[in-house]
Amino acid sequence: MKQNEKIQGIINSIFEAFKRGDTNGIERHLHKEASVWDIFTPELIVGKEQLAAFHKRDQSQKESRGHLTIELGEPIVRVMRDFAIATYCLEFDYRQPNALKGRVRITDVFILENQKWKILHHHEGLIPENQKGQ
């Protein structure tokens, strides 16, 4: 299996784990010193303790809403020795109650450690909606 395919598989498995509420399935792909910029959290999240607390809050946020669908765009993966960068978009749609939908641009920075790709940084940003007159 090519490195790009391994990384794409990790990305897909993380979002499937999120939908299932499986925080361990997410955290096993994160470097011990990983950091996250999340669309629902204003502060930078760094390290195992902060990430574990964040994942609990994030699952609580998810559970306060209705059914979630996620449409993941194909990641563009660039591998450079022991590092890789994956860029992709996704669309999410939470149903009632507390319905919410949006489009997100994501960048993941991976590091290869002990023959396993781990996410060192995950960055999310909402894609602005097109507005007439601008």
N, C-alpha and C. Protein backbone atom coordinates (compact mmCIF):
# COMPACT_ATOMS: atom_id res chain seq x y z
N MET A 1 0.85 -1.19 0.00
CA MET A 1 0.00 0.00 0.00
C MET A 1 0.89 1.24 0.00
N LYS A 2 0.57 2.19 -0.85
CA LYS A 2 1.33 3.43 -0.95
C LYS A 2 1.11 4.29 0.30
N GLN A 3 2.08 5.15 0.60
CA GLN A 3 1.98 6.04 1.77
C GLN A 3 0.74 6.93 1.67
N ASN A 4 0.45 7.45 0.48
CA ASN A 4 -0.73 8.31 0.29
C ASN A 4 -2.00 7.57 0.67
N GLU A 5 -2.10 6.30 0.26
CA GLU A 5 -3.29 5.51 0.56
C GLU A 5 -3.41 5.24 2.06
N LYS A 6 -2.28 5.02 2.74
CA LYS A 6 -2.30 4.82 4.19
C LYS A 6 -2.85 6.07 4.89
N ILE A 7 -2.37 7.22 4.46
CA ILE A 7 -2.80 8.47 5.08
C ILE A 7 -4.28 8.73 4.79
N GLN A 8 -4.72 8.49 3.57
CA GLN A 8 -6.14 8.64 3.25
C GLN A 8 -6.99 7.71 4.11
N GLY A 9 -6.51 6.49 4.33
CA GLY A 9 -7.22 5.54 5.19
C GLY A 9 -7.33 6.03 6.62
N ILE A 10 -6.27 6.64 7.13
CA ILE A 10 -6.29 7.19 8.49
C ILE A 10 -7.34 8.30 8.58
N ILE A 11 -7.33 9.19 7.61
CA ILE A 11 -8.30 10.31 7.62
C ILE A 11 -9.73 9.77 7.61
N ASN A 12 -10.01 8.83 6.73
CA ASN A 12 -11.36 8.25 6.68
C ASN A 12 -11.73 7.59 8.00
N SER A 13 -10.80 6.84 8.59
CA SER A 13 -11.11 6.13 9.84
C SER A 13 -11.35 7.09 10.99
N ILE A 14 -10.69 8.24 10.99
CA ILE A 14 -10.89 9.22 12.06
C ILE A 14 -12.32 9.77 12.02
N PHE A 15 -12.80 10.11 10.84
CA PHE A 15 -14.15 10.67 10.76
C PHE A 15 -15.22 9.61 11.00
N GLU A 16 -14.96 8.36 10.62
CA GLU A 16 -15.88 7.28 10.94
C GLU A 16 -15.91 7.07 12.46
N ALA A 17 -14.75 7.12 13.11
CA ALA A 17 -14.69 6.97 14.57
C ALA A 17 -15.44 8.12 15.25
N PHE A 18 -15.30 9.34 14.73
CA PHE A 18 -16.02 10.48 15.31
C PHE A 18 -17.53 10.24 15.25
N LYS A 19 -18.02 9.80 14.10
CA LYS A 19 -19.46 9.56 13.96
C LYS A 19 -19.94 8.47 14.92
N ARG A 20 -19.10 7.46 15.20
CA ARG A 20 -19.46 6.38 16.12
C ARG A 20 -19.31 6.78 17.58
N GLY A 21 -18.64 7.90 17.85
CA GLY A 21 -18.37 8.29 19.23
C GLY A 21 -17.16 7.57 19.81
N ASP A 22 -16.29 7.05 18.95
CA ASP A 22 -15.12 6.29 19.36
C ASP A 22 -13.90 7.19 19.45
N THR A 23 -13.74 7.86 20.60
CA THR A 23 -12.61 8.79 20.74
C THR A 23 -11.27 8.07 20.71
N ASN A 24 -11.22 6.82 21.20
CA ASN A 24 -9.97 6.06 21.12
C ASN A 24 -9.56 5.81 19.67
N GLY A 25 -10.55 5.61 18.80
CA GLY A 25 -10.28 5.41 17.39
C GLY A 25 -9.69 6.64 16.72
N ILE A 26 -9.95 7.81 17.32
CA ILE A 26 -9.36 9.06 16.84
C ILE A 26 -7.97 9.22 17.43
N GLU A 27 -7.89 9.09 18.75
CA GLU A 27 -6.64 9.38 19.47
C GLU A 27 -5.50 8.45 19.10
N ARG A 28 -5.80 7.25 18.65
CA ARG A 28 -4.71 6.32 18.30
C ARG A 28 -3.94 6.79 17.06
N HIS A 29 -4.50 7.74 16.31
CA HIS A 29 -3.82 8.27 15.13
C HIS A 29 -3.13 9.61 15.40
N LEU A 30 -3.20 10.08 16.64
CA LEU A 30 -2.60 11.37 16.98
C LEU A 30 -1.25 11.18 17.65
N HIS A 31 -0.31 12.01 17.29
CA HIS A 31 1.00 12.05 17.95
C HIS A 31 0.78 12.48 19.40
N LYS A 32 1.64 12.04 20.30
CA LYS A 32 1.47 12.38 21.73
C LYS A 32 1.54 13.89 21.98
N GLU A 33 2.14 14.63 21.07
CA GLU A 33 2.22 16.09 21.22
C GLU A 33 1.39 16.81 20.15
N ALA A 34 0.37 16.15 19.66
CA ALA A 34 -0.45 16.72 18.59
C ALA A 34 -1.14 18.00 19.06
N SER A 35 -1.47 18.83 18.07
CA SER A 35 -2.25 20.05 18.32
C SER A 35 -3.41 20.11 17.34
N VAL A 36 -4.47 20.81 17.76
CA VAL A 36 -5.68 20.90 16.95
C VAL A 36 -6.23 22.32 17.01
N TRP A 37 -6.56 22.87 15.84
CA TRP A 37 -7.42 24.05 15.71
C TRP A 37 -8.75 23.50 15.23
N ASP A 38 -9.79 23.59 16.03
CA ASP A 38 -11.09 23.04 15.71
C ASP A 38 -12.08 24.16 15.42
N ILE A 39 -13.05 23.92 14.54
CA ILE A 39 -14.01 24.98 14.19
C ILE A 39 -14.95 25.33 15.34
N PHE A 40 -15.14 24.42 16.30
CA PHE A 40 -16.05 24.68 17.41
C PHE A 40 -15.33 25.16 18.67
N THR A 41 -14.00 25.25 18.64
CA THR A 41 -13.21 25.58 19.82
C THR A 41 -12.25 26.72 19.49
N PRO A 42 -12.33 27.84 20.21
CA PRO A 42 -11.49 28.99 19.85
C PRO A 42 -10.01 28.82 20.18
N GLU A 43 -9.67 28.03 21.19
CA GLU A 43 -8.27 27.95 21.59
C GLU A 43 -7.56 26.77 20.92
N LEU A 44 -6.23 26.88 20.83
CA LEU A 44 -5.41 25.79 20.32
C LEU A 44 -5.38 24.69 21.37
N ILE A 45 -5.56 23.45 20.95
CA ILE A 45 -5.56 22.30 21.83
C ILE A 45 -4.24 21.57 21.60
N VAL A 46 -3.47 21.33 22.67
CA VAL A 46 -2.14 20.74 22.53
C VAL A 46 -1.94 19.63 23.57
N GLY A 47 -1.45 18.50 23.12
CA GLY A 47 -1.05 17.41 24.01
C GLY A 47 -2.19 16.48 24.39
N LYS A 48 -1.80 15.31 24.92
CA LYS A 48 -2.74 14.24 25.23
C LYS A 48 -3.87 14.66 26.17
N GLU A 49 -3.54 15.35 27.27
CA GLU A 49 -4.57 15.71 28.25
C GLU A 49 -5.60 16.66 27.65
N GLN A 50 -5.13 17.72 27.00
CA GLN A 50 -6.06 18.67 26.39
C GLN A 50 -6.86 18.01 25.27
N LEU A 51 -6.23 17.13 24.50
CA LEU A 51 -6.94 16.44 23.43
C LEU A 51 -8.03 15.51 23.97
N ALA A 52 -7.73 14.80 25.05
CA ALA A 52 -8.73 13.90 25.65
C ALA A 52 -9.93 14.71 26.14
N ALA A 53 -9.68 15.84 26.80
CA ALA A 53 -10.77 16.70 27.29
C ALA A 53 -11.55 17.28 26.10
N PHE A 54 -10.84 17.70 25.08
CA PHE A 54 -11.49 18.23 23.88
C PHE A 54 -12.39 17.19 23.24
N HIS A 55 -11.91 15.95 23.10
CA HIS A 55 -12.73 14.91 22.46
C HIS A 55 -14.00 14.63 23.25
N LYS A 56 -13.93 14.71 24.57
CA LYS A 56 -15.15 14.54 25.39
C LYS A 56 -16.14 15.66 25.10
N ARG A 57 -15.65 16.91 25.08
CA ARG A 57 -16.52 18.06 24.78
C ARG A 57 -17.08 17.97 23.37
N ASP A 58 -16.24 17.55 22.43
CA ASP A 58 -16.66 17.47 21.03
C ASP A 58 -17.74 16.40 20.85
N GLN A 59 -17.60 15.29 21.53
CA GLN A 59 -18.63 14.25 21.46
C GLN A 59 -19.92 14.73 22.11
N SER A 60 -19.82 15.48 23.20
CA SER A 60 -21.00 16.04 23.86
C SER A 60 -21.72 17.00 22.91
N GLN A 61 -20.95 17.83 22.22
CA GLN A 61 -21.51 18.75 21.21
C GLN A 61 -22.25 17.95 20.15
N LYS A 62 -21.62 16.87 19.67
CA LYS A 62 -22.23 16.03 18.63
C LYS A 62 -23.52 15.39 19.13
N GLU A 63 -23.50 14.91 20.37
CA GLU A 63 -24.67 14.22 20.93
C GLU A 63 -25.83 15.17 21.21
N SER A 64 -25.55 16.48 21.30
CA SER A 64 -26.62 17.46 21.54
C SER A 64 -27.40 17.78 20.26
N ARG A 65 -26.94 17.22 19.15
CA ARG A 65 -27.54 17.49 17.85
C ARG A 65 -28.18 16.22 17.30
N GLY A 66 -28.86 16.37 16.18
CA GLY A 66 -29.46 15.22 15.51
C GLY A 66 -28.45 14.45 14.70
N HIS A 67 -28.95 13.56 13.87
CA HIS A 67 -28.12 12.69 13.04
C HIS A 67 -27.09 13.51 12.25
N LEU A 68 -25.86 12.98 12.16
CA LEU A 68 -24.76 13.64 11.46
C LEU A 68 -24.41 12.90 10.19
N THR A 69 -24.29 13.66 9.10
CA THR A 69 -23.69 13.10 7.88
C THR A 69 -22.45 13.93 7.56
N ILE A 70 -21.45 13.24 7.07
CA ILE A 70 -20.19 13.88 6.67
C ILE A 70 -19.86 13.40 5.27
N GLU A 71 -19.60 14.37 4.39
CA GLU A 71 -19.13 14.04 3.04
C GLU A 71 -17.70 14.54 2.93
N LEU A 72 -16.79 13.60 2.81
CA LEU A 72 -15.37 13.90 2.81
C LEU A 72 -14.86 13.99 1.38
N GLY A 73 -14.19 15.09 1.07
CA GLY A 73 -13.55 15.22 -0.23
C GLY A 73 -12.27 14.41 -0.28
N GLU A 74 -11.81 14.11 -1.47
CA GLU A 74 -10.57 13.34 -1.62
C GLU A 74 -9.37 14.16 -1.16
N PRO A 75 -8.61 13.65 -0.18
CA PRO A 75 -7.44 14.39 0.29
C PRO A 75 -6.35 14.46 -0.78
N ILE A 76 -5.69 15.60 -0.82
CA ILE A 76 -4.46 15.74 -1.60
C ILE A 76 -3.34 15.52 -0.59
N VAL A 77 -2.54 14.48 -0.81
CA VAL A 77 -1.51 14.10 0.15
C VAL A 77 -0.14 14.28 -0.50
N ARG A 78 0.73 15.00 0.20
CA ARG A 78 2.11 15.18 -0.26
C ARG A 78 3.03 14.61 0.81
N VAL A 79 3.83 13.61 0.43
CA VAL A 79 4.74 12.95 1.36
C VAL A 79 6.16 13.45 1.10
N MET A 80 6.85 13.85 2.18
CA MET A 80 8.22 14.32 2.11
C MET A 80 9.02 13.64 3.22
N ARG A 81 9.64 12.52 2.87
CA ARG A 81 10.39 11.70 3.82
C ARG A 81 9.51 11.28 4.99
N ASP A 82 9.79 11.83 6.19
CA ASP A 82 9.06 11.44 7.40
C ASP A 82 7.89 12.35 7.71
N PHE A 83 7.56 13.25 6.79
CA PHE A 83 6.43 14.16 6.99
C PHE A 83 5.48 14.05 5.81
N ALA A 84 4.22 14.36 6.08
CA ALA A 84 3.24 14.42 5.01
C ALA A 84 2.22 15.50 5.36
N ILE A 85 1.67 16.10 4.33
CA ILE A 85 0.62 17.10 4.50
C ILE A 85 -0.57 16.64 3.67
N ALA A 86 -1.73 16.60 4.32
CA ALA A 86 -2.97 16.25 3.64
C ALA A 86 -3.90 17.45 3.70
N THR A 87 -4.42 17.85 2.56
CA THR A 87 -5.39 18.95 2.50
C THR A 87 -6.66 18.42 1.85
N TYR A 88 -7.81 18.78 2.44
CA TYR A 88 -9.08 18.28 1.93
C TYR A 88 -10.22 19.11 2.50
N CYS A 89 -11.38 18.91 1.96
CA CYS A 89 -12.58 19.59 2.44
C CYS A 89 -13.61 18.56 2.86
N LEU A 90 -14.52 18.99 3.71
CA LEU A 90 -15.65 18.14 4.05
C LEU A 90 -16.88 19.00 4.24
N GLU A 91 -18.01 18.37 4.07
CA GLU A 91 -19.29 19.01 4.37
C GLU A 91 -19.93 18.22 5.48
N PHE A 92 -20.44 18.93 6.50
CA PHE A 92 -21.14 18.26 7.58
C PHE A 92 -22.56 18.78 7.66
N ASP A 93 -23.44 17.92 8.13
CA ASP A 93 -24.85 18.28 8.24
C ASP A 93 -25.44 17.56 9.46
N TYR A 94 -25.68 18.34 10.51
CA TYR A 94 -26.38 17.83 11.70
C TYR A 94 -27.87 18.11 11.51
N ARG A 95 -28.71 17.14 11.75
CA ARG A 95 -30.16 17.31 11.68
C ARG A 95 -30.67 17.85 13.01
N GLN A 96 -31.96 18.13 13.08
CA GLN A 96 -32.60 18.58 14.32
C GLN A 96 -32.51 17.47 15.37
N PRO A 97 -32.38 17.81 16.63
CA PRO A 97 -32.36 19.16 17.19
C PRO A 97 -30.98 19.81 17.00
N ASN A 98 -30.97 21.11 17.14
CA ASN A 98 -29.74 21.91 17.02
C ASN A 98 -29.07 21.69 15.66
N ALA A 99 -29.85 21.75 14.60
CA ALA A 99 -29.32 21.54 13.25
C ALA A 99 -28.21 22.54 12.94
N LEU A 100 -27.24 22.07 12.20
CA LEU A 100 -26.12 22.91 11.80
C LEU A 100 -25.44 22.23 10.63
N LYS A 101 -25.06 23.03 9.62
CA LYS A 101 -24.30 22.46 8.52
C LYS A 101 -23.26 23.45 8.07
N GLY A 102 -22.25 22.94 7.41
CA GLY A 102 -21.20 23.82 6.92
C GLY A 102 -20.19 23.05 6.09
N ARG A 103 -19.28 23.82 5.51
CA ARG A 103 -18.18 23.27 4.72
C ARG A 103 -16.88 23.68 5.40
N VAL A 104 -15.94 22.75 5.46
CA VAL A 104 -14.71 22.95 6.22
C VAL A 104 -13.51 22.60 5.35
N ARG A 105 -12.48 23.47 5.43
CA ARG A 105 -11.18 23.16 4.82
C ARG A 105 -10.31 22.60 5.94
N ILE A 106 -9.56 21.54 5.63
CA ILE A 106 -8.74 20.88 6.65
C ILE A 106 -7.33 20.67 6.12
N THR A 107 -6.36 20.88 7.01
CA THR A 107 -4.97 20.53 6.75
C THR A 107 -4.50 19.66 7.89
N ASP A 108 -3.95 18.50 7.57
CA ASP A 108 -3.35 17.61 8.56
C ASP A 108 -1.87 17.49 8.25
N VAL A 109 -1.04 17.65 9.29
CA VAL A 109 0.39 17.44 9.17
C VAL A 109 0.70 16.12 9.87
N PHE A 110 1.29 15.19 9.12
CA PHE A 110 1.63 13.86 9.64
C PHE A 110 3.13 13.73 9.84
N ILE A 111 3.52 12.91 10.82
CA ILE A 111 4.91 12.54 11.03
C ILE A 111 4.97 11.02 11.07
N LEU A 112 6.01 10.45 10.48
CA LEU A 112 6.20 9.01 10.47
C LEU A 112 7.08 8.64 11.66
N GLU A 113 6.50 7.87 12.58
CA GLU A 113 7.22 7.44 13.78
C GLU A 113 7.04 5.95 13.96
N ASN A 114 8.14 5.22 14.05
CA ASN A 114 8.09 3.76 14.22
C ASN A 114 7.22 3.11 13.14
N GLN A 115 7.40 3.53 11.90
CA GLN A 115 6.69 3.02 10.73
C GLN A 115 5.18 3.27 10.76
N LYS A 116 4.72 4.22 11.60
CA LYS A 116 3.31 4.57 11.66
C LYS A 116 3.14 6.06 11.46
N TRP A 117 2.17 6.44 10.62
CA TRP A 117 1.86 7.85 10.41
C TRP A 117 1.00 8.33 11.57
N LYS A 118 1.40 9.45 12.18
CA LYS A 118 0.65 10.08 13.27
C LYS A 118 0.39 11.54 12.90
N ILE A 119 -0.77 12.03 13.29
CA ILE A 119 -1.09 13.44 13.03
C ILE A 119 -0.40 14.29 14.08
N LEU A 120 0.40 15.22 13.61
CA LEU A 120 1.10 16.16 14.49
C LEU A 120 0.27 17.43 14.66
N HIS A 121 -0.45 17.83 13.61
CA HIS A 121 -1.32 19.01 13.71
C HIS A 121 -2.52 18.83 12.78
N HIS A 122 -3.70 19.17 13.31
CA HIS A 122 -4.96 19.12 12.55
C HIS A 122 -5.56 20.52 12.61
N HIS A 123 -5.82 21.12 11.44
CA HIS A 123 -6.30 22.50 11.38
C HIS A 123 -7.58 22.54 10.55
N GLU A 124 -8.65 23.08 11.15
CA GLU A 124 -9.94 23.21 10.46
C GLU A 124 -10.30 24.68 10.33
N GLY A 125 -10.92 25.03 9.22
CA GLY A 125 -11.43 26.39 9.00
C GLY A 125 -12.70 26.33 8.18
N LEU A 126 -13.73 27.03 8.63
CA LEU A 126 -14.98 27.08 7.88
C LEU A 126 -14.77 27.77 6.55
N ILE A 127 -15.38 27.25 5.51
CA ILE A 127 -15.34 27.88 4.20
C ILE A 127 -16.45 28.93 4.17
N PRO A 128 -16.11 30.18 3.91
CA PRO A 128 -17.14 31.23 3.89
C PRO A 128 -18.20 30.94 2.83
N GLU A 129 -19.42 31.24 3.18
CA GLU A 129 -20.52 31.11 2.22
C GLU A 129 -20.40 32.24 1.21
N ASN A 130 -20.72 31.95 -0.03
CA ASN A 130 -20.73 33.00 -1.05
C ASN A 130 -21.86 33.96 -0.74
N GLN A 131 -21.54 35.25 -0.77
CA GLN A 131 -22.55 36.28 -0.49
C GLN A 131 -22.69 37.15 -1.73
N LYS A 132 -23.92 37.44 -2.09
CA LYS A 132 -24.18 38.29 -3.25
C LYS A 132 -23.66 39.69 -2.96
N GLY A 133 -23.10 40.30 -3.99
CA GLY A 133 -22.63 41.68 -3.86
C GLY A 133 -21.20 41.78 -3.35
N GLN A 134 -20.55 40.66 -3.13
CA GLN A 134 -19.17 40.72 -2.65
C GLN A 134 -18.23 40.05 -3.60
